Amino acid sequence: MKIAILNGSPRKGNTAAMADAFAKDAAEAGHEVEILHVGQNVIKHGFRDR
């Protein structure tokens, strides 16, 4: 199974640690895992800058 983990936190704290732990266990169980750190990106599609 393919699993995508979306981490929306801009910091590397508890949320990143939880995502890493989940990804590690899922990968050990044979799943394909990717963590996307979206909190560090500026998303402009569909929104106006103010």
N, C-alpha and C. Protein backbone atom coordinates (compact mmCIF):
# COMPACT_ATOMS: atom_id res chain seq x y z
N MET A 1 0.85 -1.17 0.00
CA MET A 1 0.00 0.00 0.00
C MET A 1 0.89 1.23 0.00
N LYS A 2 0.50 2.26 -0.73
CA LYS A 2 1.21 3.53 -0.75
C LYS A 2 0.56 4.46 0.27
N ILE A 3 1.40 5.08 1.12
CA ILE A 3 0.91 5.98 2.16
C ILE A 3 1.61 7.32 2.00
N ALA A 4 0.83 8.40 1.97
CA ALA A 4 1.37 9.76 1.95
C ALA A 4 1.03 10.41 3.28
N ILE A 5 2.04 10.92 3.96
CA ILE A 5 1.86 11.61 5.23
C ILE A 5 2.06 13.09 4.97
N LEU A 6 1.04 13.89 5.28
CA LEU A 6 1.13 15.34 5.10
C LEU A 6 1.43 15.98 6.45
N ASN A 7 2.60 16.59 6.56
CA ASN A 7 2.98 17.28 7.77
C ASN A 7 2.80 18.77 7.52
N GLY A 8 1.82 19.37 8.17
CA GLY A 8 1.51 20.77 7.97
C GLY A 8 2.22 21.71 8.92
N SER A 9 3.02 21.20 9.82
CA SER A 9 3.72 22.05 10.78
C SER A 9 4.96 22.66 10.12
N PRO A 10 5.20 23.96 10.32
CA PRO A 10 6.39 24.58 9.75
C PRO A 10 7.66 24.27 10.55
N ARG A 11 7.52 23.70 11.74
CA ARG A 11 8.67 23.38 12.59
C ARG A 11 8.94 21.88 12.59
N LYS A 12 10.14 21.51 12.99
CA LYS A 12 10.49 20.10 13.11
C LYS A 12 10.44 19.72 14.58
N GLY A 13 9.24 19.51 15.08
CA GLY A 13 9.05 19.20 16.49
C GLY A 13 8.29 17.90 16.66
N ASN A 14 7.29 17.93 17.51
CA ASN A 14 6.52 16.73 17.84
C ASN A 14 5.78 16.15 16.65
N THR A 15 5.23 17.01 15.80
CA THR A 15 4.48 16.51 14.63
C THR A 15 5.39 15.76 13.68
N ALA A 16 6.59 16.31 13.44
CA ALA A 16 7.55 15.63 12.56
C ALA A 16 8.01 14.31 13.18
N ALA A 17 8.21 14.29 14.50
CA ALA A 17 8.62 13.06 15.17
C ALA A 17 7.55 11.99 15.05
N MET A 18 6.28 12.40 15.20
CA MET A 18 5.18 11.45 15.08
C MET A 18 5.08 10.92 13.66
N ALA A 19 5.23 11.80 12.67
CA ALA A 19 5.17 11.38 11.27
C ALA A 19 6.31 10.42 10.95
N ASP A 20 7.51 10.72 11.45
CA ASP A 20 8.66 9.84 11.22
C ASP A 20 8.45 8.46 11.84
N ALA A 21 7.91 8.43 13.07
CA ALA A 21 7.66 7.15 13.74
C ALA A 21 6.62 6.33 12.99
N PHE A 22 5.55 6.98 12.54
CA PHE A 22 4.52 6.28 11.78
C PHE A 22 5.09 5.74 10.47
N ALA A 23 5.88 6.59 9.78
CA ALA A 23 6.47 6.18 8.50
C ALA A 23 7.41 4.99 8.69
N LYS A 24 8.20 5.01 9.74
CA LYS A 24 9.13 3.91 10.01
C LYS A 24 8.38 2.60 10.22
N ASP A 25 7.36 2.63 11.05
CA ASP A 25 6.59 1.41 11.33
C ASP A 25 5.85 0.92 10.09
N ALA A 26 5.28 1.84 9.33
CA ALA A 26 4.56 1.45 8.11
C ALA A 26 5.51 0.84 7.08
N ALA A 27 6.71 1.43 6.95
CA ALA A 27 7.70 0.89 6.00
C ALA A 27 8.16 -0.50 6.44
N GLU A 28 8.34 -0.68 7.73
CA GLU A 28 8.73 -2.00 8.25
C GLU A 28 7.65 -3.05 8.00
N ALA A 29 6.40 -2.60 7.91
CA ALA A 29 5.28 -3.50 7.65
C ALA A 29 5.10 -3.76 6.15
N GLY A 30 5.99 -3.15 5.33
CA GLY A 30 5.96 -3.42 3.90
C GLY A 30 5.26 -2.39 3.04
N HIS A 31 4.90 -1.26 3.63
CA HIS A 31 4.20 -0.22 2.87
C HIS A 31 5.20 0.77 2.28
N GLU A 32 4.82 1.40 1.18
CA GLU A 32 5.62 2.46 0.56
C GLU A 32 5.14 3.78 1.15
N VAL A 33 6.05 4.52 1.80
CA VAL A 33 5.67 5.71 2.55
C VAL A 33 6.44 6.93 2.06
N GLU A 34 5.73 8.06 1.97
CA GLU A 34 6.37 9.33 1.64
C GLU A 34 5.82 10.40 2.58
N ILE A 35 6.72 11.17 3.17
CA ILE A 35 6.31 12.29 4.04
C ILE A 35 6.45 13.57 3.24
N LEU A 36 5.36 14.34 3.19
CA LEU A 36 5.35 15.62 2.49
C LEU A 36 5.27 16.73 3.54
N HIS A 37 6.29 17.55 3.61
CA HIS A 37 6.34 18.64 4.59
C HIS A 37 5.73 19.89 3.96
N VAL A 38 4.42 19.98 3.96
CA VAL A 38 3.71 21.07 3.29
C VAL A 38 3.70 22.36 4.11
N GLY A 39 3.99 22.29 5.38
CA GLY A 39 4.01 23.48 6.22
C GLY A 39 5.17 24.40 5.92
N GLN A 40 6.16 23.91 5.19
CA GLN A 40 7.33 24.71 4.86
C GLN A 40 7.20 25.34 3.47
N ASN A 41 6.10 25.09 2.79
CA ASN A 41 5.88 25.61 1.44
C ASN A 41 4.88 26.74 1.45
N VAL A 42 5.01 27.63 0.49
CA VAL A 42 4.03 28.68 0.29
C VAL A 42 3.10 28.21 -0.81
N ILE A 43 1.83 28.06 -0.48
CA ILE A 43 0.85 27.57 -1.45
C ILE A 43 0.00 28.75 -1.89
N LYS A 44 0.05 29.09 -3.17
CA LYS A 44 -0.65 30.27 -3.67
C LYS A 44 -1.80 29.93 -4.60
N HIS A 45 -1.89 28.72 -5.07
CA HIS A 45 -2.91 28.36 -6.05
C HIS A 45 -4.30 28.57 -5.49
N GLY A 46 -5.07 29.39 -6.14
CA GLY A 46 -6.47 29.59 -5.75
C GLY A 46 -6.69 30.64 -4.69
N PHE A 47 -5.62 31.26 -4.19
CA PHE A 47 -5.77 32.27 -3.15
C PHE A 47 -5.06 33.56 -3.57
N ARG A 48 -5.58 34.67 -3.11
CA ARG A 48 -4.95 35.95 -3.41
C ARG A 48 -4.04 36.36 -2.26
N ASP A 49 -2.89 36.91 -2.60
CA ASP A 49 -2.01 37.47 -1.58
C ASP A 49 -2.62 38.77 -1.08
N ARG A 50 -2.56 38.99 0.20
CA ARG A 50 -3.09 40.25 0.77
C ARG A 50 -1.99 41.06 1.37
